[in-house]
Amino acid sequence: MTLAQVVYQMSNDTDFASQLFSNPESALKSRGLKLSQEELAFLVTSHQRDDQPRIVNLSEELGTGWRR
């Protein structure tokens, strides 16, 4: 449940999210939250990944509508 709480806090509080990635232990401690090393590693590495899937509007990419 704690990982879900951290993700929720990240999505609603950009200051917390920034602090989490700059000083994770302090950010979590200030909110009374704890994560396992595996959970923390998952969050940090997923944030650092540059190859995240992106939603693409194919009609804009191809310059055509879906109806011809």
N, C-alpha and C. Protein backbone atom coordinates (compact mmCIF):
# COMPACT_ATOMS: atom_id res chain seq x y z
N MET A 1 0.82 -1.20 0.00
CA MET A 1 0.00 0.00 0.00
C MET A 1 0.86 1.26 0.00
N THR A 2 2.04 1.20 0.57
CA THR A 2 2.87 2.39 0.66
C THR A 2 3.32 2.89 -0.71
N LEU A 3 3.68 1.97 -1.61
CA LEU A 3 4.09 2.39 -2.95
C LEU A 3 2.96 3.16 -3.62
N ALA A 4 1.74 2.71 -3.47
CA ALA A 4 0.59 3.43 -4.03
C ALA A 4 0.45 4.81 -3.42
N GLN A 5 0.71 4.93 -2.13
CA GLN A 5 0.64 6.23 -1.46
C GLN A 5 1.71 7.18 -2.00
N VAL A 6 2.90 6.67 -2.22
CA VAL A 6 3.98 7.49 -2.75
C VAL A 6 3.65 7.95 -4.17
N VAL A 7 3.17 7.05 -5.00
CA VAL A 7 2.81 7.42 -6.37
C VAL A 7 1.69 8.46 -6.35
N TYR A 8 0.72 8.29 -5.48
CA TYR A 8 -0.36 9.27 -5.35
C TYR A 8 0.19 10.63 -4.95
N GLN A 9 1.07 10.66 -3.96
CA GLN A 9 1.67 11.92 -3.52
C GLN A 9 2.46 12.57 -4.66
N MET A 10 3.20 11.75 -5.42
CA MET A 10 3.98 12.28 -6.54
C MET A 10 3.08 12.92 -7.58
N SER A 11 1.94 12.31 -7.83
CA SER A 11 1.07 12.82 -8.88
C SER A 11 0.31 14.06 -8.46
N ASN A 12 0.20 14.29 -7.16
CA ASN A 12 -0.55 15.45 -6.67
C ASN A 12 0.32 16.55 -6.09
N ASP A 13 1.59 16.31 -5.91
CA ASP A 13 2.46 17.29 -5.26
C ASP A 13 3.81 17.30 -5.97
N THR A 14 3.99 18.28 -6.85
CA THR A 14 5.23 18.33 -7.64
C THR A 14 6.45 18.62 -6.77
N ASP A 15 6.27 19.35 -5.67
CA ASP A 15 7.39 19.60 -4.76
C ASP A 15 7.87 18.29 -4.14
N PHE A 16 6.92 17.46 -3.72
CA PHE A 16 7.27 16.16 -3.16
C PHE A 16 7.99 15.31 -4.21
N ALA A 17 7.48 15.30 -5.42
CA ALA A 17 8.10 14.51 -6.49
C ALA A 17 9.53 14.97 -6.74
N SER A 18 9.76 16.27 -6.80
CA SER A 18 11.11 16.79 -7.00
C SER A 18 12.03 16.40 -5.85
N GLN A 19 11.52 16.55 -4.64
CA GLN A 19 12.32 16.19 -3.47
C GLN A 19 12.60 14.69 -3.45
N LEU A 20 11.64 13.90 -3.86
CA LEU A 20 11.81 12.45 -3.87
C LEU A 20 12.96 12.03 -4.77
N PHE A 21 13.11 12.69 -5.92
CA PHE A 21 14.17 12.31 -6.84
C PHE A 21 15.51 12.95 -6.49
N SER A 22 15.50 14.03 -5.71
CA SER A 22 16.77 14.62 -5.31
C SER A 22 17.27 14.06 -3.98
N ASN A 23 16.36 13.76 -3.05
CA ASN A 23 16.74 13.21 -1.75
C ASN A 23 15.62 12.29 -1.26
N PRO A 24 15.57 11.07 -1.77
CA PRO A 24 14.45 10.17 -1.50
C PRO A 24 14.21 9.89 -0.01
N GLU A 25 15.28 9.64 0.73
CA GLU A 25 15.11 9.29 2.14
C GLU A 25 14.45 10.42 2.91
N SER A 26 14.89 11.64 2.68
CA SER A 26 14.32 12.79 3.37
C SER A 26 12.86 13.03 2.97
N ALA A 27 12.58 12.90 1.68
CA ALA A 27 11.21 13.12 1.20
C ALA A 27 10.25 12.12 1.81
N LEU A 28 10.65 10.86 1.82
CA LEU A 28 9.79 9.82 2.38
C LEU A 28 9.62 10.00 3.89
N LYS A 29 10.71 10.30 4.58
CA LYS A 29 10.66 10.47 6.03
C LYS A 29 9.76 11.65 6.41
N SER A 30 9.81 12.72 5.62
CA SER A 30 8.99 13.90 5.94
C SER A 30 7.50 13.61 5.84
N ARG A 31 7.13 12.59 5.07
CA ARG A 31 5.71 12.21 4.93
C ARG A 31 5.35 10.98 5.75
N GLY A 32 6.33 10.46 6.48
CA GLY A 32 6.07 9.27 7.28
C GLY A 32 5.88 8.02 6.43
N LEU A 33 6.52 7.98 5.27
CA LEU A 33 6.38 6.86 4.35
C LEU A 33 7.67 6.06 4.30
N LYS A 34 7.56 4.79 4.02
CA LYS A 34 8.72 3.92 3.86
C LYS A 34 8.52 3.08 2.60
N LEU A 35 9.62 2.91 1.89
CA LEU A 35 9.63 2.03 0.73
C LEU A 35 10.77 1.05 0.88
N SER A 36 10.60 -0.12 0.30
CA SER A 36 11.70 -1.07 0.25
C SER A 36 12.73 -0.54 -0.76
N GLN A 37 13.92 -1.08 -0.70
CA GLN A 37 14.96 -0.68 -1.65
C GLN A 37 14.52 -0.98 -3.09
N GLU A 38 13.80 -2.08 -3.28
CA GLU A 38 13.33 -2.45 -4.61
C GLU A 38 12.29 -1.45 -5.13
N GLU A 39 11.37 -1.05 -4.26
CA GLU A 39 10.34 -0.09 -4.65
C GLU A 39 10.96 1.26 -4.99
N LEU A 40 11.90 1.70 -4.16
CA LEU A 40 12.56 2.98 -4.41
C LEU A 40 13.37 2.93 -5.71
N ALA A 41 14.07 1.84 -5.93
CA ALA A 41 14.84 1.68 -7.17
C ALA A 41 13.92 1.71 -8.39
N PHE A 42 12.76 1.07 -8.28
CA PHE A 42 11.79 1.08 -9.38
C PHE A 42 11.35 2.51 -9.72
N LEU A 43 11.00 3.29 -8.69
CA LEU A 43 10.56 4.66 -8.93
C LEU A 43 11.65 5.52 -9.55
N VAL A 44 12.85 5.42 -9.01
CA VAL A 44 13.95 6.25 -9.49
C VAL A 44 14.34 5.87 -10.91
N THR A 45 14.46 4.58 -11.19
CA THR A 45 14.86 4.18 -12.54
C THR A 45 13.77 4.44 -13.57
N SER A 46 12.51 4.29 -13.18
CA SER A 46 11.44 4.58 -14.13
C SER A 46 11.37 6.07 -14.44
N HIS A 47 11.74 6.89 -13.47
CA HIS A 47 11.76 8.34 -13.69
C HIS A 47 12.91 8.73 -14.62
N GLN A 48 14.02 8.02 -14.53
CA GLN A 48 15.21 8.35 -15.31
C GLN A 48 15.16 7.81 -16.73
N ARG A 49 14.28 6.85 -17.00
CA ARG A 49 14.22 6.24 -18.32
C ARG A 49 13.76 7.25 -19.35
N ASP A 50 14.41 7.23 -20.48
CA ASP A 50 14.06 8.15 -21.56
C ASP A 50 13.22 7.47 -22.63
N ASP A 51 13.06 6.17 -22.55
CA ASP A 51 12.34 5.44 -23.58
C ASP A 51 10.93 5.07 -23.15
N GLN A 52 10.32 5.91 -22.33
CA GLN A 52 8.96 5.67 -21.88
C GLN A 52 8.01 5.68 -23.07
N PRO A 53 7.03 4.79 -23.08
CA PRO A 53 6.05 4.81 -24.16
C PRO A 53 5.28 6.13 -24.16
N ARG A 54 5.02 6.62 -25.31
CA ARG A 54 4.28 7.89 -25.42
C ARG A 54 3.01 7.65 -26.24
N ILE A 55 1.97 8.35 -25.87
CA ILE A 55 0.72 8.26 -26.62
C ILE A 55 0.87 9.12 -27.87
N VAL A 56 0.60 8.55 -29.00
CA VAL A 56 0.76 9.25 -30.26
C VAL A 56 -0.58 9.28 -30.97
N ASN A 57 -0.93 10.43 -31.48
CA ASN A 57 -2.12 10.57 -32.30
C ASN A 57 -1.71 10.25 -33.73
N LEU A 58 -2.08 9.07 -34.20
CA LEU A 58 -1.62 8.63 -35.52
C LEU A 58 -2.11 9.51 -36.65
N SER A 59 -3.30 10.08 -36.52
CA SER A 59 -3.79 10.94 -37.59
C SER A 59 -2.93 12.19 -37.71
N GLU A 60 -2.41 12.68 -36.60
CA GLU A 60 -1.51 13.84 -36.66
C GLU A 60 -0.14 13.42 -37.18
N GLU A 61 0.34 12.26 -36.75
CA GLU A 61 1.65 11.78 -37.19
C GLU A 61 1.67 11.51 -38.68
N LEU A 62 0.59 10.93 -39.20
CA LEU A 62 0.55 10.56 -40.61
C LEU A 62 -0.02 11.68 -41.49
N GLY A 63 -0.59 12.69 -40.86
CA GLY A 63 -1.16 13.79 -41.62
C GLY A 63 -2.48 13.45 -42.29
N THR A 64 -3.11 12.38 -41.81
CA THR A 64 -4.39 11.98 -42.37
C THR A 64 -5.35 11.67 -41.24
N GLY A 65 -6.61 11.74 -41.53
CA GLY A 65 -7.61 11.33 -40.56
C GLY A 65 -7.78 9.83 -40.62
N TRP A 66 -8.52 9.29 -39.70
CA TRP A 66 -8.75 7.84 -39.71
C TRP A 66 -9.77 7.44 -40.74
N ARG A 67 -10.54 8.43 -41.21
CA ARG A 67 -11.46 8.16 -42.32
C ARG A 67 -10.87 8.74 -43.58
N ARG A 68 -11.00 8.05 -44.64
CA ARG A 68 -10.46 8.57 -45.91
C ARG A 68 -11.55 8.93 -46.84
